[in-house]
């Protein structure tokens, strides 16, 4: 069964923003393939949601994407239950990233491409 939060987020995103959905269970890619996809598509922000059983992979993917210079926001059941752990992964920049994401989503803001991934 697909992770429904991706579709909800896509439905709630203003239409001037493009949301690319990748479900890591349905479309497996290596970390390098995911980074290449993000860079090739010109993605400006990556969202990753993960359950506890997949959090190690989610953190690894987030680290690889961040290392390529693309901001990452994380969510899902594990991050909801352990937000300090997730914030510690990026040196505490998660709050600033969340607000950058909110500003990007404002009506009238230049369109941006975003990719949201679930593992």
Protein backbone atom coordinates (compact mmCIF):
# COMPACT_ATOMS: atom_id res chain seq x y z
CA UNK A 1 0.00 0.00 0.00
CA UNK A 2 1.43 3.42 -0.91
CA UNK A 3 2.21 6.04 1.67
CA UNK A 4 -0.81 8.33 1.40
CA UNK A 5 0.84 11.41 2.93
CA UNK A 6 2.66 12.03 -0.36
CA UNK A 7 -0.61 12.32 -2.24
CA UNK A 8 -2.14 14.52 0.45
CA UNK A 9 0.87 16.84 0.35
CA UNK A 10 0.68 16.97 -3.42
CA UNK A 11 -3.04 17.82 -3.28
CA UNK A 12 -2.43 20.62 -0.74
CA UNK A 13 0.46 22.17 -2.68
CA UNK A 14 -0.42 25.31 -4.65
CA UNK A 15 -0.69 24.55 -8.38
CA UNK A 16 2.21 26.83 -9.37
CA UNK A 17 4.61 24.34 -7.75
CA UNK A 18 5.53 21.04 -9.36
CA UNK A 19 5.66 18.08 -7.00
CA UNK A 20 7.44 14.93 -8.16
CA UNK A 21 6.55 11.85 -6.13
CA UNK A 22 8.89 8.90 -5.72
CA UNK A 23 7.97 5.96 -3.51
CA UNK A 24 11.19 4.13 -2.65
CA UNK A 25 9.25 0.88 -2.27
CA UNK A 26 7.68 1.07 -5.73
CA UNK A 27 10.64 2.65 -7.54
CA UNK A 28 13.85 1.57 -5.80
CA UNK A 29 16.97 3.66 -6.48
CA UNK A 30 20.42 3.72 -4.95
CA UNK A 31 21.50 6.81 -3.02
CA UNK A 32 23.58 7.92 -6.01
CA UNK A 33 20.62 7.41 -8.38
CA UNK A 34 18.38 9.50 -6.12
CA UNK A 35 20.93 12.32 -5.96
CA UNK A 36 21.34 12.22 -9.75
CA UNK A 37 17.53 12.31 -10.19
CA UNK A 38 17.24 15.34 -7.88
CA UNK A 39 20.03 17.20 -9.68
CA UNK A 40 18.88 16.24 -13.20
CA UNK A 41 15.31 17.40 -12.49
CA UNK A 42 16.47 20.69 -10.92
CA UNK A 43 14.67 19.90 -7.68
CA UNK A 44 14.85 22.78 -5.17
CA UNK A 45 13.61 20.98 -2.06
CA UNK A 46 13.33 17.31 -1.09
CA UNK A 47 10.88 15.97 1.48
CA UNK A 48 11.43 12.51 2.95
CA UNK A 49 9.00 10.64 5.16
CA UNK A 50 9.89 7.41 6.90
CA UNK A 51 8.69 4.92 9.45
CA UNK A 52 11.12 3.71 12.11
CA UNK A 53 11.97 0.51 10.22
CA UNK A 54 13.32 2.61 7.32
CA UNK A 55 14.81 5.59 9.17
CA UNK A 56 18.47 4.59 8.72
CA UNK A 57 18.00 4.55 4.93
CA UNK A 58 16.02 7.80 5.05
CA UNK A 59 18.79 9.55 6.99
CA UNK A 60 21.43 8.18 4.62
CA UNK A 61 19.50 9.43 1.57
CA UNK A 62 18.91 12.82 3.24
CA UNK A 63 22.64 13.15 3.99
CA UNK A 64 23.54 12.34 0.37
CA UNK A 65 21.04 14.83 -1.05
CA UNK A 66 22.12 17.54 1.42
CA UNK A 67 25.76 16.90 0.47
CA UNK A 68 24.76 17.65 -3.15
CA UNK A 69 23.52 21.06 -1.99
CA UNK A 70 19.76 20.46 -1.98
CA UNK A 71 17.77 21.22 1.19
CA UNK A 72 15.86 18.33 2.77
CA UNK A 73 12.83 18.33 5.06
CA UNK A 74 11.86 15.18 6.89
CA UNK A 75 8.63 13.89 8.34
CA UNK A 76 6.69 10.73 8.93
CA UNK A 77 5.97 8.66 12.00
CA UNK A 78 9.58 8.31 13.18
CA UNK A 79 10.46 11.99 12.85
CA UNK A 80 7.19 12.93 14.56
CA UNK A 81 8.14 10.76 17.55
CA UNK A 82 11.85 11.69 17.61
CA UNK A 83 12.17 15.22 16.17
CA UNK A 84 15.38 16.00 18.08
CA UNK A 85 17.07 13.03 16.43
CA UNK A 86 16.10 14.23 12.95
CA UNK A 87 17.10 17.84 13.68
CA UNK A 88 20.45 16.63 14.97
CA UNK A 89 21.14 15.00 11.61
CA UNK A 90 21.48 18.35 9.84
CA UNK A 91 23.12 20.38 12.59
CA UNK A 92 19.79 21.82 13.74
CA UNK A 93 19.01 23.45 10.41
CA UNK A 94 15.65 21.69 10.16
CA UNK A 95 13.68 24.59 11.59
CA UNK A 96 15.19 27.05 9.12
CA UNK A 97 14.57 24.62 6.26
CA UNK A 98 10.93 24.27 7.30
CA UNK A 99 10.47 28.03 7.16
CA UNK A 100 12.23 28.25 3.79
CA UNK A 101 9.79 25.61 2.54
CA UNK A 102 6.85 27.60 3.90
CA UNK A 103 8.09 30.76 2.15
CA UNK A 104 8.51 28.87 -1.13
CA UNK A 105 4.91 27.72 -0.94
CA UNK A 106 3.44 31.22 -0.50
CA UNK A 107 0.97 32.29 -3.20
CA UNK A 108 2.60 34.53 -5.77
CA UNK A 109 6.06 33.08 -5.16
CA UNK A 110 8.02 31.94 -8.21
CA UNK A 111 7.29 28.33 -9.04
CA UNK A 112 9.72 25.76 -7.71
CA UNK A 113 10.20 22.08 -8.40
CA UNK A 114 10.01 19.78 -5.43
CA UNK A 115 10.43 16.08 -4.99
CA UNK A 116 8.89 14.27 -2.07
CA UNK A 117 10.07 10.75 -1.34
CA UNK A 118 8.77 8.09 1.00
CA UNK A 119 10.66 5.03 2.07
